[in-house]
């Protein structure tokens, strides 16, 4: 009897554990289903809101009023925005992690890396201080001088940018595939000295030949000097240079071609 009672008790305990295990599965599964359901309803709510808003947009709004098609098109727009938002948040998280890791050790080299990271992510004013510290600690490192010039130019401190770019050019005038010279030329033009900008562009083209960027910048400098015919010829030459650009340079070349076309119109 004692043995049977023990067996029954064990069986009850086993049944209890089984029920508890199954109950926990149901609960966790229910929560998952609930969360999925909330996300699903939230997604459809966003789609309907987007469809209402997009219907009010001039010209294209009529497309979103088409039954069913308008709904699916709105869903595609919402999905694209959500995907881009996810990528943006993921990138922000990665950048924040990199900043914390690099900033954990305070050296001139790491300050330069931090400055470059801030600059490339659209925060040039924050970058300036870090890059100044890097230049002070590693004065012969051309990358820090170049990035400091870029950060200062983006912060509209063109006189200081010229000094940084000139120092970078002294160290290596072909740094960044010659961008140290084209950006120096742009800072000269932005500071009101297009003659000096043209001299720098001449030097760039001696080293690298004319490019869509150098031709466009030359046209803008000539235009600022009132030399309209020369400016028009320089800007017109950009199209041919875009056609000659290597495949990996096409995107950048097209951008300068577009700028040159606008400069010719206005």
Protein backbone atom coordinates (compact mmCIF):
# COMPACT_ATOMS: atom_id res chain seq x y z
CA UNK A 1 0.00 0.00 0.00
CA UNK A 2 2.82 2.34 0.93
CA UNK A 3 4.54 1.60 -2.36
CA UNK A 4 1.29 2.19 -4.25
CA UNK A 5 0.68 5.45 -2.40
CA UNK A 6 4.19 6.59 -3.22
CA UNK A 7 3.63 5.68 -6.88
CA UNK A 8 0.34 7.57 -6.98
CA UNK A 9 1.93 10.61 -5.32
CA UNK A 10 4.78 10.56 -7.85
CA UNK A 11 2.24 10.23 -10.64
CA UNK A 12 0.31 13.24 -9.33
CA UNK A 13 3.51 15.25 -9.03
CA UNK A 14 4.40 14.24 -12.59
CA UNK A 15 0.95 15.26 -13.79
CA UNK A 16 1.33 18.53 -11.93
CA UNK A 17 4.66 19.29 -13.58
CA UNK A 18 3.21 18.31 -16.95
CA UNK A 19 0.24 20.61 -16.48
CA UNK A 20 2.53 23.44 -15.31
CA UNK A 21 4.78 22.90 -18.33
CA UNK A 22 1.84 22.87 -20.75
CA UNK A 23 0.33 25.91 -19.04
CA UNK A 24 3.61 27.83 -19.39
CA UNK A 25 3.74 26.91 -23.08
CA UNK A 26 0.19 28.12 -23.59
CA UNK A 27 0.89 31.36 -21.74
CA UNK A 28 4.16 32.07 -23.59
CA UNK A 29 2.58 31.12 -26.89
CA UNK A 30 -0.42 33.27 -26.10
CA UNK A 31 1.82 36.24 -25.33
CA UNK A 32 3.69 35.72 -28.60
CA UNK A 33 0.44 35.49 -30.53
CA UNK A 34 -0.87 38.55 -28.68
CA UNK A 35 2.27 40.56 -29.53
CA UNK A 36 2.10 39.47 -33.16
CA UNK A 37 -1.56 40.43 -33.24
CA UNK A 38 -0.83 43.88 -31.80
CA UNK A 39 1.94 44.43 -34.35
CA UNK A 40 -0.35 43.22 -37.13
CA UNK A 41 -3.14 45.60 -36.09
CA UNK A 42 -0.63 48.43 -35.66
CA UNK A 43 0.69 47.83 -39.15
CA UNK A 44 -2.79 47.98 -40.70
CA UNK A 45 -3.56 51.12 -38.69
CA UNK A 46 -0.42 52.76 -40.14
CA UNK A 47 -1.41 51.67 -43.64
CA UNK A 48 -4.88 53.21 -43.31
CA UNK A 49 -3.45 56.45 -41.89
CA UNK A 50 -0.86 56.59 -44.70
CA UNK A 51 -3.57 55.96 -47.29
CA UNK A 52 -5.69 58.82 -45.90
CA UNK A 53 -2.71 61.17 -45.93
CA UNK A 54 -1.46 60.13 -49.36
CA UNK A 55 -4.92 60.65 -50.86
CA UNK A 56 -4.56 64.35 -50.05
CA UNK A 57 -1.25 64.74 -51.92
CA UNK A 58 -1.69 66.76 -55.14
CA UNK A 59 -1.22 64.95 -58.47
CA UNK A 60 -0.49 61.48 -57.04
CA UNK A 61 -3.37 61.41 -54.52
CA UNK A 62 -5.82 60.01 -57.06
CA UNK A 63 -3.80 56.79 -57.37
CA UNK A 64 -4.34 56.06 -53.67
CA UNK A 65 -8.13 56.47 -54.06
CA UNK A 66 -8.34 53.44 -56.35
CA UNK A 67 -10.06 50.65 -54.36
CA UNK A 68 -7.72 47.87 -53.21
CA UNK A 69 -4.83 49.11 -55.38
CA UNK A 70 -4.57 52.24 -53.21
CA UNK A 71 -4.45 50.08 -50.09
CA UNK A 72 -1.68 47.81 -51.40
CA UNK A 73 0.30 50.81 -52.66
CA UNK A 74 -0.02 52.45 -49.23
CA UNK A 75 1.14 49.19 -47.63
CA UNK A 76 4.20 49.20 -49.88
CA UNK A 77 4.99 52.80 -48.86
CA UNK A 78 4.61 52.00 -45.15
CA UNK A 79 6.76 48.85 -45.49
CA UNK A 80 9.50 50.82 -47.23
CA UNK A 81 9.44 53.52 -44.54
CA UNK A 82 9.48 50.96 -41.72
CA UNK A 83 12.42 49.16 -43.34
CA UNK A 84 14.36 52.41 -43.74
CA UNK A 85 13.54 53.35 -40.18
CA UNK A 86 14.85 50.02 -38.96
CA UNK A 87 18.08 50.45 -40.90
CA UNK A 88 18.46 53.99 -39.57
CA UNK A 89 18.02 52.88 -35.94
CA UNK A 90 20.39 49.97 -36.46
CA UNK A 91 23.01 52.28 -37.94
CA UNK A 92 22.57 54.78 -35.10
CA UNK A 93 23.06 51.96 -32.61
CA UNK A 94 26.23 50.82 -34.39
CA UNK A 95 27.64 54.36 -34.50
CA UNK A 96 26.88 54.88 -30.81
CA UNK A 97 28.66 51.63 -29.97
CA UNK A 98 31.69 52.61 -32.08
CA UNK A 99 31.87 56.03 -30.39
CA UNK A 100 31.82 54.42 -26.93
CA UNK A 101 34.49 51.88 -27.87
CA UNK A 102 36.83 54.39 -29.53
CA UNK A 103 36.32 57.01 -26.81
CA UNK A 104 37.19 54.53 -24.06
CA UNK A 105 40.91 55.16 -24.70
CA UNK A 106 41.89 58.84 -25.02
CA UNK A 107 44.78 59.04 -27.50
CA UNK A 108 45.40 61.48 -30.39
CA UNK A 109 44.80 58.66 -32.86
CA UNK A 110 41.47 57.72 -31.28
CA UNK A 111 40.44 61.38 -31.14
CA UNK A 112 41.10 61.51 -34.89
CA UNK A 113 39.00 58.41 -35.43
CA UNK A 114 36.19 59.91 -33.35
CA UNK A 115 36.36 63.16 -35.30
CA UNK A 116 36.22 61.34 -38.60
CA UNK A 117 33.26 59.28 -37.39
CA UNK A 118 31.34 62.39 -36.31
CA UNK A 119 32.21 64.15 -39.58
CA UNK A 120 31.04 61.29 -41.77
CA UNK A 121 27.78 61.14 -39.84
CA UNK A 122 26.89 64.78 -40.37
CA UNK A 123 28.18 66.36 -37.14
CA UNK A 124 31.13 68.49 -38.31
CA UNK A 125 31.02 70.96 -35.41
CA UNK A 126 31.42 68.13 -32.91
CA UNK A 127 34.18 66.66 -35.09
CA UNK A 128 36.30 69.82 -35.07
CA UNK A 129 37.42 69.56 -31.43
CA UNK A 130 38.40 65.90 -31.74
CA UNK A 131 40.30 66.50 -34.98
CA UNK A 132 42.13 69.49 -33.51
CA UNK A 133 43.30 67.25 -30.66
CA UNK A 134 44.40 64.61 -33.18
CA UNK A 135 46.34 67.19 -35.23
CA UNK A 136 48.04 68.48 -32.08
CA UNK A 137 49.06 64.98 -31.04
CA UNK A 138 49.96 63.69 -34.54
CA UNK A 139 50.84 66.81 -36.58
CA UNK A 140 52.35 64.85 -39.47
CA UNK A 141 49.30 62.63 -40.02
CA UNK A 142 47.78 63.93 -43.27
CA UNK A 143 44.41 62.26 -42.65
CA UNK A 144 43.72 64.33 -39.54
CA UNK A 145 44.72 67.57 -41.27
CA UNK A 146 42.49 66.71 -44.23
CA UNK A 147 39.51 65.77 -42.07
CA UNK A 148 39.95 68.88 -39.93
CA UNK A 149 39.81 71.01 -43.09
CA UNK A 150 36.67 69.16 -44.18
CA UNK A 151 35.00 69.64 -40.78
CA UNK A 152 35.87 73.34 -40.72
CA UNK A 153 34.63 73.84 -44.28
CA UNK A 154 31.36 72.07 -43.42
CA UNK A 155 31.07 74.39 -40.40
CA UNK A 156 31.60 77.40 -42.75
CA UNK A 157 34.92 78.30 -41.15
CA UNK A 158 36.57 78.64 -44.55
CA UNK A 159 39.67 80.64 -43.54
CA UNK A 160 40.65 78.00 -40.99
CA UNK A 161 39.71 75.26 -43.44
CA UNK A 162 42.16 76.70 -46.00
CA UNK A 163 44.97 76.54 -43.44
CA UNK A 164 44.20 72.89 -42.61
CA UNK A 165 43.91 71.86 -46.27
CA UNK A 166 47.15 73.67 -47.16
CA UNK A 167 48.97 71.84 -44.37
CA UNK A 168 47.49 68.54 -45.61
CA UNK A 169 48.60 69.35 -49.17
CA UNK A 170 52.12 70.05 -47.90
CA UNK A 171 52.18 66.58 -46.37
CA UNK A 172 50.66 64.85 -49.42
CA UNK A 173 48.88 66.81 -52.15
CA UNK A 174 47.51 63.61 -53.67
CA UNK A 175 45.83 62.48 -50.46
CA UNK A 176 42.28 61.13 -50.86
CA UNK A 177 42.78 60.84 -54.64
CA UNK A 178 43.49 64.57 -54.84
CA UNK A 179 40.40 65.60 -52.86
CA UNK A 180 42.63 67.62 -50.56
CA UNK A 181 43.22 69.98 -53.53
CA UNK A 182 39.65 70.15 -54.82
CA UNK A 183 38.36 70.89 -51.32
CA UNK A 184 41.07 73.49 -50.83
CA UNK A 185 39.93 75.11 -54.09
CA UNK A 186 36.34 75.09 -52.90
CA UNK A 187 37.30 76.76 -49.61
CA UNK A 188 39.17 79.47 -51.51
CA UNK A 189 36.09 80.11 -53.66
CA UNK A 190 33.77 80.08 -50.63
CA UNK A 191 36.01 82.62 -48.89
CA UNK A 192 35.76 84.96 -51.88
CA UNK A 193 39.05 84.16 -53.63
CA UNK A 194 38.21 82.36 -56.90
CA UNK A 195 41.63 83.23 -58.42
CA UNK A 196 43.42 81.16 -55.77
CA UNK A 197 40.84 78.39 -56.30
CA UNK A 198 41.66 78.31 -60.04
CA UNK A 199 45.39 78.02 -59.28
CA UNK A 200 44.72 75.02 -57.01
CA UNK A 201 42.50 73.40 -59.66
CA UNK A 202 45.30 73.85 -62.21
CA UNK A 203 47.59 71.92 -59.89
CA UNK A 204 44.98 69.19 -59.40
CA UNK A 205 44.55 68.72 -63.16
CA UNK A 206 48.32 68.52 -63.66
CA UNK A 207 48.33 65.55 -61.28
CA UNK A 208 45.03 63.87 -62.13
CA UNK A 209 43.76 65.41 -65.35
CA UNK A 210 40.35 67.10 -65.64
CA UNK A 211 37.46 65.38 -63.90
CA UNK A 212 33.74 66.22 -63.73
CA UNK A 213 34.35 67.74 -60.28
CA UNK A 214 37.36 69.87 -61.26
CA UNK A 215 35.63 71.09 -64.45
CA UNK A 216 32.46 72.00 -62.55
CA UNK A 217 34.43 73.78 -59.83
CA UNK A 218 36.44 75.62 -62.49
CA UNK A 219 33.24 76.77 -64.18
CA UNK A 220 31.86 78.05 -60.87
CA UNK A 221 35.08 79.98 -60.18
CA UNK A 222 35.09 81.54 -63.64
CA UNK A 223 31.44 82.43 -63.24
CA UNK A 224 32.22 84.17 -59.93
CA UNK A 225 34.93 86.18 -61.73
CA UNK A 226 32.45 87.26 -64.42
CA UNK A 227 34.23 85.33 -67.18
CA UNK A 228 30.97 83.97 -68.57
CA UNK A 229 32.18 82.48 -71.86
CA UNK A 230 35.01 80.56 -70.20
CA UNK A 231 32.66 79.46 -67.43
CA UNK A 232 30.14 78.20 -69.99
CA UNK A 233 32.81 76.18 -71.80
CA UNK A 234 34.11 74.66 -68.56
CA UNK A 235 30.62 73.70 -67.42
CA UNK A 236 29.74 72.31 -70.86
CA UNK A 237 32.83 70.05 -70.74
CA UNK A 238 31.49 68.26 -67.67
CA UNK A 239 29.07 66.13 -69.72
CA UNK A 240 31.87 64.62 -71.82
CA UNK A 241 33.94 63.95 -68.69
CA UNK A 242 30.97 62.20 -67.06
CA UNK A 243 30.71 59.89 -70.09
CA UNK A 244 34.40 59.01 -69.73
CA UNK A 245 34.20 58.25 -66.01
CA UNK A 246 34.97 54.71 -64.84
CA UNK A 247 32.01 52.61 -63.76
CA UNK A 248 32.81 52.89 -60.05
CA UNK A 249 32.99 56.70 -60.42
CA UNK A 250 29.69 57.10 -62.28
CA UNK A 251 27.47 58.00 -59.33
CA UNK A 252 29.78 60.81 -58.23
CA UNK A 253 30.29 61.93 -61.84
CA UNK A 254 26.52 62.17 -62.41
CA UNK A 255 26.22 64.34 -59.32
CA UNK A 256 28.74 66.83 -60.74
CA UNK A 257 27.06 66.68 -64.12
CA UNK A 258 23.78 67.67 -62.48
CA UNK A 259 25.47 70.55 -60.61
CA UNK A 260 27.08 71.78 -63.82
CA UNK A 261 23.72 71.70 -65.64
CA UNK A 262 22.12 73.76 -62.88
CA UNK A 263 25.02 76.23 -62.92
CA UNK A 264 24.56 76.74 -66.65
CA UNK A 265 20.84 77.43 -66.21
CA UNK A 266 21.22 79.82 -63.29
